Amino acid sequence: MMKKLFLLFLIFVGYISYSQEFVDLKLFDTLAPKFLGKSIIIEGKVDHICRHSGKKFAIMYGNNEELEVKANIVFDTNIVGKNVKVLGILREFRVDEKYCQNLENSAQKDTNEVKRNKKLSVAKEYREQMKQQKKDFLSFYWLEFEKFVD
């Protein structure tokens, strides 16, 4: 009897650890840190698909913000403008002072003036955002695509 109970307990724990949570995009910015590295389900309208690779698309939310969904497959362009439910792992790209310094160092080596100025401008903008938010870093979240769900 104890073996059966223990086995049921293990199955239950396994189910809980592999379950996914639905994250409402209205609350995304508040909830995102809680779900880093975890499988989540989001639902939203596809704004566009990457023109270069077709392996990324954006779901719009909040004040004209977008959550990027990345995959190793090429997405069908028919999903643009449609509401989709996506299962994926929430990831973070973090920008800090070291990143800004590396960006500036890269800019100094760039022979293309337009690219050099863009990199310098982006580094400056990131620093201003960190100062304004009184934080040592900025978080940019994206979803590692697993599959579409019903």
C-alpha atoms as a PDB file:
ATOM      1  CA  MET A   1       0.000   0.000   0.000  1.00  0.00           C
ATOM      2  CA  MET A   2       2.814   2.424   0.889  1.00  0.00           C
ATOM      3  CA  LYS A   3       4.540   1.708  -2.420  1.00  0.00           C
ATOM      4  CA  LYS A   4       1.343   2.553  -4.320  1.00  0.00           C
ATOM      5  CA  LEU A   5       0.886   5.798  -2.388  1.00  0.00           C
ATOM      6  CA  PHE A   6       4.513   6.742  -2.957  1.00  0.00           C
ATOM      7  CA  LEU A   7       4.184   5.995  -6.691  1.00  0.00           C
ATOM      8  CA  LEU A   8       1.015   8.137  -6.907  1.00  0.00           C
ATOM      9  CA  PHE A   9       2.841  10.924  -5.069  1.00  0.00           C
ATOM     10  CA  LEU A  10       5.733  10.777  -7.574  1.00  0.00           C
ATOM     11  CA  ILE A  11       3.314  10.887 -10.506  1.00  0.00           C
ATOM     12  CA  PHE A  12       1.552  13.890  -8.972  1.00  0.00           C
ATOM     13  CA  VAL A  13       4.840  15.751  -8.351  1.00  0.00           C
ATOM     14  CA  GLY A  14       5.946  14.981 -11.909  1.00  0.00           C
ATOM     15  CA  TYR A  15       2.678  16.326 -13.292  1.00  0.00           C
ATOM     16  CA  ILE A  16       2.952  19.543 -11.294  1.00  0.00           C
ATOM     17  CA  SER A  17       6.557  20.146 -12.342  1.00  0.00           C
ATOM     18  CA  TYR A  18       5.757  19.685 -16.044  1.00  0.00           C
ATOM     19  CA  SER A  19       2.519  21.640 -16.136  1.00  0.00           C
ATOM     20  CA  GLN A  20       2.342  24.955 -17.930  1.00  0.00           C
ATOM     21  CA  GLU A  21       0.738  28.142 -16.713  1.00  0.00           C
ATOM     22  CA  PHE A  22      -1.300  30.555 -18.749  1.00  0.00           C
ATOM     23  CA  VAL A  23       0.130  34.075 -18.439  1.00  0.00           C
ATOM     24  CA  ASP A  24      -2.210  36.952 -19.203  1.00  0.00           C
ATOM     25  CA  LEU A  25      -0.324  39.454 -21.360  1.00  0.00           C
ATOM     26  CA  LYS A  26      -2.076  42.321 -19.541  1.00  0.00           C
ATOM     27  CA  LEU A  27      -0.013  41.334 -16.484  1.00  0.00           C
ATOM     28  CA  PHE A  28       3.045  40.143 -18.388  1.00  0.00           C
ATOM     29  CA  ASP A  29       5.563  42.764 -17.281  1.00  0.00           C
ATOM     30  CA  THR A  30       4.676  42.186 -13.629  1.00  0.00           C
ATOM     31  CA  LEU A  31       4.661  38.382 -13.826  1.00  0.00           C
ATOM     32  CA  ALA A  32       7.560  37.728 -16.224  1.00  0.00           C
ATOM     33  CA  PRO A  33      10.363  37.391 -13.630  1.00  0.00           C
ATOM     34  CA  LYS A  34       8.356  34.702 -11.823  1.00  0.00           C
ATOM     35  CA  PHE A  35       8.192  32.537 -14.969  1.00  0.00           C
ATOM     36  CA  LEU A  36      11.757  32.782 -16.308  1.00  0.00           C
ATOM     37  CA  GLY A  37      12.926  29.414 -17.599  1.00  0.00           C
ATOM     38  CA  LYS A  38       9.459  27.897 -17.229  1.00  0.00           C
ATOM     39  CA  SER A  39       6.926  26.703 -19.781  1.00  0.00           C
ATOM     40  CA  ILE A  40       4.042  29.114 -20.128  1.00  0.00           C
ATOM     41  CA  ILE A  41       1.079  29.587 -22.421  1.00  0.00           C
ATOM     42  CA  ILE A  42       0.323  33.009 -23.824  1.00  0.00           C
ATOM     43  CA  GLU A  43      -2.453  34.143 -26.101  1.00  0.00           C
ATOM     44  CA  GLY A  44      -2.418  37.145 -28.372  1.00  0.00           C
ATOM     45  CA  LYS A  45      -2.610  38.603 -31.839  1.00  0.00           C
ATOM     46  CA  VAL A  46       0.363  38.048 -34.148  1.00  0.00           C
ATOM     47  CA  ASP A  47       1.573  41.430 -35.349  1.00  0.00           C
ATOM     48  CA  HIS A  48       4.252  40.330 -37.795  1.00  0.00           C
ATOM     49  CA  ILE A  49       6.671  37.565 -38.733  1.00  0.00           C
ATOM     50  CA  CYS A  50      10.390  38.222 -39.256  1.00  0.00           C
ATOM     51  CA  ARG A  51      10.936  38.957 -42.955  1.00  0.00           C
ATOM     52  CA  HIS A  52      14.498  37.645 -42.959  1.00  0.00           C
ATOM     53  CA  SER A  53      14.226  34.211 -41.380  1.00  0.00           C
ATOM     54  CA  GLY A  54      10.510  33.633 -40.798  1.00  0.00           C
ATOM     55  CA  LYS A  55      11.519  32.002 -37.501  1.00  0.00           C
ATOM     56  CA  LYS A  56      10.301  34.790 -35.210  1.00  0.00           C
ATOM     57  CA  PHE A  57       6.997  36.528 -34.714  1.00  0.00           C
ATOM     58  CA  ALA A  58       5.714  39.252 -32.413  1.00  0.00           C
ATOM     59  CA  ILE A  59       2.624  39.274 -30.248  1.00  0.00           C
ATOM     60  CA  MET A  60       1.537  42.771 -29.236  1.00  0.00           C
ATOM     61  CA  TYR A  61       0.441  43.659 -25.697  1.00  0.00           C
ATOM     62  CA  GLY A  62       0.212  46.560 -23.241  1.00  0.00           C
ATOM     63  CA  ASN A  63       1.281  49.994 -24.422  1.00  0.00           C
ATOM     64  CA  ASN A  64       2.364  48.957 -27.900  1.00  0.00           C
ATOM     65  CA  GLU A  65       4.907  46.471 -26.518  1.00  0.00           C
ATOM     66  CA  GLU A  66       5.704  43.190 -28.168  1.00  0.00           C
ATOM     67  CA  LEU A  67       6.722  39.758 -26.980  1.00  0.00           C
ATOM     68  CA  GLU A  68       8.975  38.047 -29.476  1.00  0.00           C
ATOM     69  CA  VAL A  69       8.468  34.339 -30.087  1.00  0.00           C
ATOM     70  CA  LYS A  70      11.497  32.515 -31.553  1.00  0.00           C
ATOM     71  CA  ALA A  71      11.726  29.029 -33.062  1.00  0.00           C
ATOM     72  CA  ASN A  72      13.799  26.677 -35.189  1.00  0.00           C
ATOM     73  CA  ILE A  73      11.000  26.441 -37.724  1.00  0.00           C
ATOM     74  CA  VAL A  74       9.670  28.857 -40.333  1.00  0.00           C
ATOM     75  CA  PHE A  75       6.223  30.137 -39.408  1.00  0.00           C
ATOM     76  CA  ASP A  76       3.347  30.224 -41.894  1.00  0.00           C
ATOM     77  CA  THR A  77       2.555  33.836 -42.798  1.00  0.00           C
ATOM     78  CA  ASN A  78      -1.159  33.031 -42.503  1.00  0.00           C
ATOM     79  CA  ILE A  79      -0.911  33.534 -38.720  1.00  0.00           C
ATOM     80  CA  VAL A  80      -0.316  37.291 -39.071  1.00  0.00           C
ATOM     81  CA  GLY A  81      -3.314  39.175 -37.686  1.00  0.00           C
ATOM     82  CA  LYS A  82      -4.713  36.079 -35.984  1.00  0.00           C
ATOM     83  CA  ASN A  83      -5.035  35.269 -32.300  1.00  0.00           C
ATOM     84  CA  VAL A  84      -2.850  32.338 -31.305  1.00  0.00           C
ATOM     85  CA  LYS A  85      -2.098  30.382 -28.146  1.00  0.00           C
ATOM     86  CA  VAL A  86       1.561  29.521 -27.806  1.00  0.00           C
ATOM     87  CA  LEU A  87       3.373  27.186 -25.437  1.00  0.00           C
ATOM     88  CA  GLY A  88       6.986  28.089 -24.854  1.00  0.00           C
ATOM     89  CA  ILE A  89       9.769  28.708 -22.363  1.00  0.00           C
ATOM     90  CA  LEU A  90      10.149  32.269 -21.149  1.00  0.00           C
ATOM     91  CA  ARG A  91      13.682  33.607 -21.662  1.00  0.00           C
ATOM     92  CA  GLU A  92      15.386  36.871 -20.800  1.00  0.00           C
ATOM     93  CA  PHE A  93      17.970  39.004 -22.554  1.00  0.00           C
ATOM     94  CA  ARG A  94      19.570  41.250 -19.947  1.00  0.00           C
ATOM     95  CA  VAL A  95      21.279  44.552 -20.753  1.00  0.00           C
ATOM     96  CA  ASP A  96      23.655  46.023 -18.173  1.00  0.00           C
ATOM     97  CA  GLU A  97      26.606  48.426 -18.076  1.00  0.00           C
ATOM     98  CA  LYS A  98      28.995  45.750 -19.342  1.00  0.00           C
ATOM     99  CA  TYR A  99      26.732  45.153 -22.359  1.00  0.00           C
ATOM    100  CA  CYS A 100      26.683  48.896 -23.083  1.00  0.00           C
ATOM    101  CA  GLN A 101      30.485  49.067 -22.858  1.00  0.00           C
ATOM    102  CA  ASN A 102      30.829  46.118 -25.250  1.00  0.00           C
ATOM    103  CA  LEU A 103      28.414  47.807 -27.644  1.00  0.00           C
ATOM    104  CA  GLU A 104      30.484  50.992 -27.556  1.00  0.00           C
ATOM    105  CA  ASN A 105      33.728  49.050 -28.072  1.00  0.00           C
ATOM    106  CA  SER A 106      32.168  47.319 -31.060  1.00  0.00           C
ATOM    107  CA  ALA A 107      31.039  50.695 -32.416  1.00  0.00           C
ATOM    108  CA  GLN A 108      34.560  52.104 -32.223  1.00  0.00           C
ATOM    109  CA  LYS A 109      35.784  49.264 -34.458  1.00  0.00           C
ATOM    110  CA  ASP A 110      32.931  49.587 -36.957  1.00  0.00           C
ATOM    111  CA  THR A 111      33.959  51.264 -40.206  1.00  0.00           C
ATOM    112  CA  ASN A 112      30.359  51.902 -41.250  1.00  0.00           C
ATOM    113  CA  GLU A 113      29.454  55.304 -39.795  1.00  0.00           C
ATOM    114  CA  VAL A 114      25.698  54.629 -39.769  1.00  0.00           C
ATOM    115  CA  LYS A 115      26.132  51.350 -37.858  1.00  0.00           C
ATOM    116  CA  ARG A 116      28.672  52.934 -35.497  1.00  0.00           C
ATOM    117  CA  ASN A 117      26.332  55.819 -34.659  1.00  0.00           C
ATOM    118  CA  LYS A 118      23.388  53.440 -34.194  1.00  0.00           C
ATOM    119  CA  LYS A 119      25.351  51.315 -31.688  1.00  0.00           C
ATOM    120  CA  LEU A 120      26.455  54.410 -29.753  1.00  0.00           C
ATOM    121  CA  SER A 121      22.894  55.723 -29.735  1.00  0.00           C
ATOM    122  CA  VAL A 122      21.497  52.389 -28.482  1.00  0.00           C
ATOM    123  CA  ALA A 123      24.095  52.209 -25.666  1.00  0.00           C
ATOM    124  CA  LYS A 124      23.183  55.755 -24.603  1.00  0.00           C
ATOM    125  CA  GLU A 125      19.459  54.957 -24.715  1.00  0.00           C
ATOM    126  CA  TYR A 126      19.918  51.813 -22.597  1.00  0.00           C
ATOM    127  CA  ARG A 127      21.859  53.778 -19.979  1.00  0.00           C
ATOM    128  CA  GLU A 128      19.155  56.444 -19.871  1.00  0.00           C
ATOM    129  CA  GLN A 129      16.473  53.766 -19.394  1.00  0.00           C
ATOM    130  CA  MET A 130      18.452  52.121 -16.560  1.00  0.00           C
ATOM    131  CA  LYS A 131      18.916  55.508 -14.879  1.00  0.00           C
ATOM    132  CA  GLN A 132      15.244  56.395 -15.308  1.00  0.00           C
ATOM    133  CA  GLN A 133      14.146  53.027 -13.896  1.00  0.00           C
ATOM    134  CA  LYS A 134      16.796  53.189 -11.131  1.00  0.00           C
ATOM    135  CA  LYS A 135      18.030  49.719 -12.065  1.00  0.00           C
ATOM    136  CA  ASP A 136      21.405  48.195 -12.925  1.00  0.00           C
ATOM    137  CA  PHE A 137      19.936  46.271 -15.855  1.00  0.00           C
ATOM    138  CA  LEU A 138      17.105  46.102 -18.365  1.00  0.00           C
ATOM    139  CA  SER A 139      15.184  42.907 -19.063  1.00  0.00           C
ATOM    140  CA  PHE A 140      13.961  42.033 -22.531  1.00  0.00           C
ATOM    141  CA  TYR A 141      11.784  38.913 -22.494  1.00  0.00           C
ATOM    142  CA  TRP A 142      11.106  36.488 -25.332  1.00  0.00           C
ATOM    143  CA  LEU A 143       9.452  33.116 -25.704  1.00  0.00           C
ATOM    144  CA  GLU A 144      11.246  30.005 -26.960  1.00  0.00           C
ATOM    145  CA  PHE A 145       8.535  28.389 -29.097  1.00  0.00           C
ATOM    146  CA  GLU A 146       7.474  24.832 -28.334  1.00  0.00           C
ATOM    147  CA  LYS A 147       4.103  24.571 -30.079  1.00  0.00           C
ATOM    148  CA  PHE A 148       0.743  26.141 -30.793  1.00  0.00           C
ATOM    149  CA  VAL A 149      -2.012  24.950 -28.451  1.00  0.00           C
ATOM    150  CA  ASP A 150      -5.805  24.891 -28.691  1.00  0.00           C
END
